[in-house]
Amino acid sequence: MSSSGNGTVTGTFVGTALCLVPTLTSGEVLRTVLLAATGAAVSFIVSWILGRLFRNRGTKE
């Protein structure tokens, strides 16, 4: 007899997703997308600035 661990996990995930989908509004989805995009942009900019700062320090020595 084979293990059905994957089936249980998949069933739980799909069941949870199907319960959440009807409660989502377009405003919540849009807000989530905007927050994710803002977070990604801020993370990229901070990483880029820190990379340039530390790269410049290494070349001055």
C-alpha atoms as a PDB file:
ATOM      1  CA  MET A   1       0.000   0.000   0.000  1.00  0.00           C
ATOM      2  CA  SER A   2       1.439   3.406  -0.974  1.00  0.00           C
ATOM      3  CA  SER A   3       1.505   6.504   1.163  1.00  0.00           C
ATOM      4  CA  SER A   4      -1.113   9.151   0.423  1.00  0.00           C
ATOM      5  CA  GLY A   5       0.736  12.068   2.039  1.00  0.00           C
ATOM      6  CA  ASN A   6       0.868  14.081  -1.177  1.00  0.00           C
ATOM      7  CA  GLY A   7      -2.833  13.596  -1.819  1.00  0.00           C
ATOM      8  CA  THR A   8      -3.707  14.834   1.654  1.00  0.00           C
ATOM      9  CA  VAL A   9      -1.537  17.925   1.314  1.00  0.00           C
ATOM     10  CA  THR A  10      -2.894  18.682  -2.145  1.00  0.00           C
ATOM     11  CA  GLY A  11      -6.476  18.173  -1.014  1.00  0.00           C
ATOM     12  CA  THR A  12      -5.981  20.444   1.986  1.00  0.00           C
ATOM     13  CA  PHE A  13      -4.408  23.170  -0.147  1.00  0.00           C
ATOM     14  CA  VAL A  14      -7.092  23.010  -2.842  1.00  0.00           C
ATOM     15  CA  GLY A  15      -9.878  22.968  -0.265  1.00  0.00           C
ATOM     16  CA  THR A  16      -8.444  26.002   1.510  1.00  0.00           C
ATOM     17  CA  ALA A  17      -7.996  27.861  -1.782  1.00  0.00           C
ATOM     18  CA  LEU A  18     -11.562  27.103  -2.861  1.00  0.00           C
ATOM     19  CA  CYS A  19     -12.894  28.430   0.449  1.00  0.00           C
ATOM     20  CA  LEU A  20     -10.883  31.660   0.192  1.00  0.00           C
ATOM     21  CA  VAL A  21     -11.526  32.532  -3.461  1.00  0.00           C
ATOM     22  CA  PRO A  22     -15.191  33.610  -3.046  1.00  0.00           C
ATOM     23  CA  THR A  23     -14.300  35.945  -0.160  1.00  0.00           C
ATOM     24  CA  LEU A  24     -11.638  37.894  -2.072  1.00  0.00           C
ATOM     25  CA  THR A  25     -12.639  41.221  -3.577  1.00  0.00           C
ATOM     26  CA  SER A  26     -10.933  42.936  -6.471  1.00  0.00           C
ATOM     27  CA  GLY A  27      -9.864  45.756  -4.122  1.00  0.00           C
ATOM     28  CA  GLU A  28      -8.035  43.326  -1.841  1.00  0.00           C
ATOM     29  CA  VAL A  29      -6.294  41.678  -4.789  1.00  0.00           C
ATOM     30  CA  LEU A  30      -5.264  45.064  -6.203  1.00  0.00           C
ATOM     31  CA  ARG A  31      -3.970  46.202  -2.799  1.00  0.00           C
ATOM     32  CA  THR A  32      -1.957  42.990  -2.438  1.00  0.00           C
ATOM     33  CA  VAL A  33      -0.447  43.382  -5.905  1.00  0.00           C
ATOM     34  CA  LEU A  34       0.484  47.017  -5.229  1.00  0.00           C
ATOM     35  CA  LEU A  35       2.048  46.183  -1.854  1.00  0.00           C
ATOM     36  CA  ALA A  36       4.037  43.337  -3.392  1.00  0.00           C
ATOM     37  CA  ALA A  37       5.281  45.559  -6.222  1.00  0.00           C
ATOM     38  CA  THR A  38       6.202  48.338  -3.784  1.00  0.00           C
ATOM     39  CA  GLY A  39       8.067  45.916  -1.536  1.00  0.00           C
ATOM     40  CA  ALA A  40       9.968  44.434  -4.464  1.00  0.00           C
ATOM     41  CA  ALA A  41      10.919  47.885  -5.780  1.00  0.00           C
ATOM     42  CA  VAL A  42      12.104  49.115  -2.365  1.00  0.00           C
ATOM     43  CA  SER A  43      14.091  45.923  -1.809  1.00  0.00           C
ATOM     44  CA  PHE A  44      15.750  46.252  -5.215  1.00  0.00           C
ATOM     45  CA  ILE A  45      16.620  49.921  -4.708  1.00  0.00           C
ATOM     46  CA  VAL A  46      18.066  49.369  -1.219  1.00  0.00           C
ATOM     47  CA  SER A  47      20.118  46.394  -2.444  1.00  0.00           C
ATOM     48  CA  TRP A  48      21.371  48.395  -5.425  1.00  0.00           C
ATOM     49  CA  ILE A  49      22.372  51.382  -3.249  1.00  0.00           C
ATOM     50  CA  LEU A  50      24.132  49.186  -0.684  1.00  0.00           C
ATOM     51  CA  GLY A  51      25.920  47.307  -3.454  1.00  0.00           C
ATOM     52  CA  ARG A  52      27.209  50.550  -4.972  1.00  0.00           C
ATOM     53  CA  LEU A  53      28.284  51.899  -1.579  1.00  0.00           C
ATOM     54  CA  PHE A  54      30.280  48.813  -0.658  1.00  0.00           C
ATOM     55  CA  ARG A  55      31.711  48.394  -4.158  1.00  0.00           C
ATOM     56  CA  ASN A  56      32.956  51.992  -4.127  1.00  0.00           C
ATOM     57  CA  ARG A  57      34.626  51.500  -0.734  1.00  0.00           C
ATOM     58  CA  GLY A  58      36.509  48.477  -2.023  1.00  0.00           C
ATOM     59  CA  THR A  59      37.941  50.293  -5.054  1.00  0.00           C
ATOM     60  CA  LYS A  60      39.237  53.310  -3.086  1.00  0.00           C
ATOM     61  CA  GLU A  61      41.746  51.224  -1.109  1.00  0.00           C
END
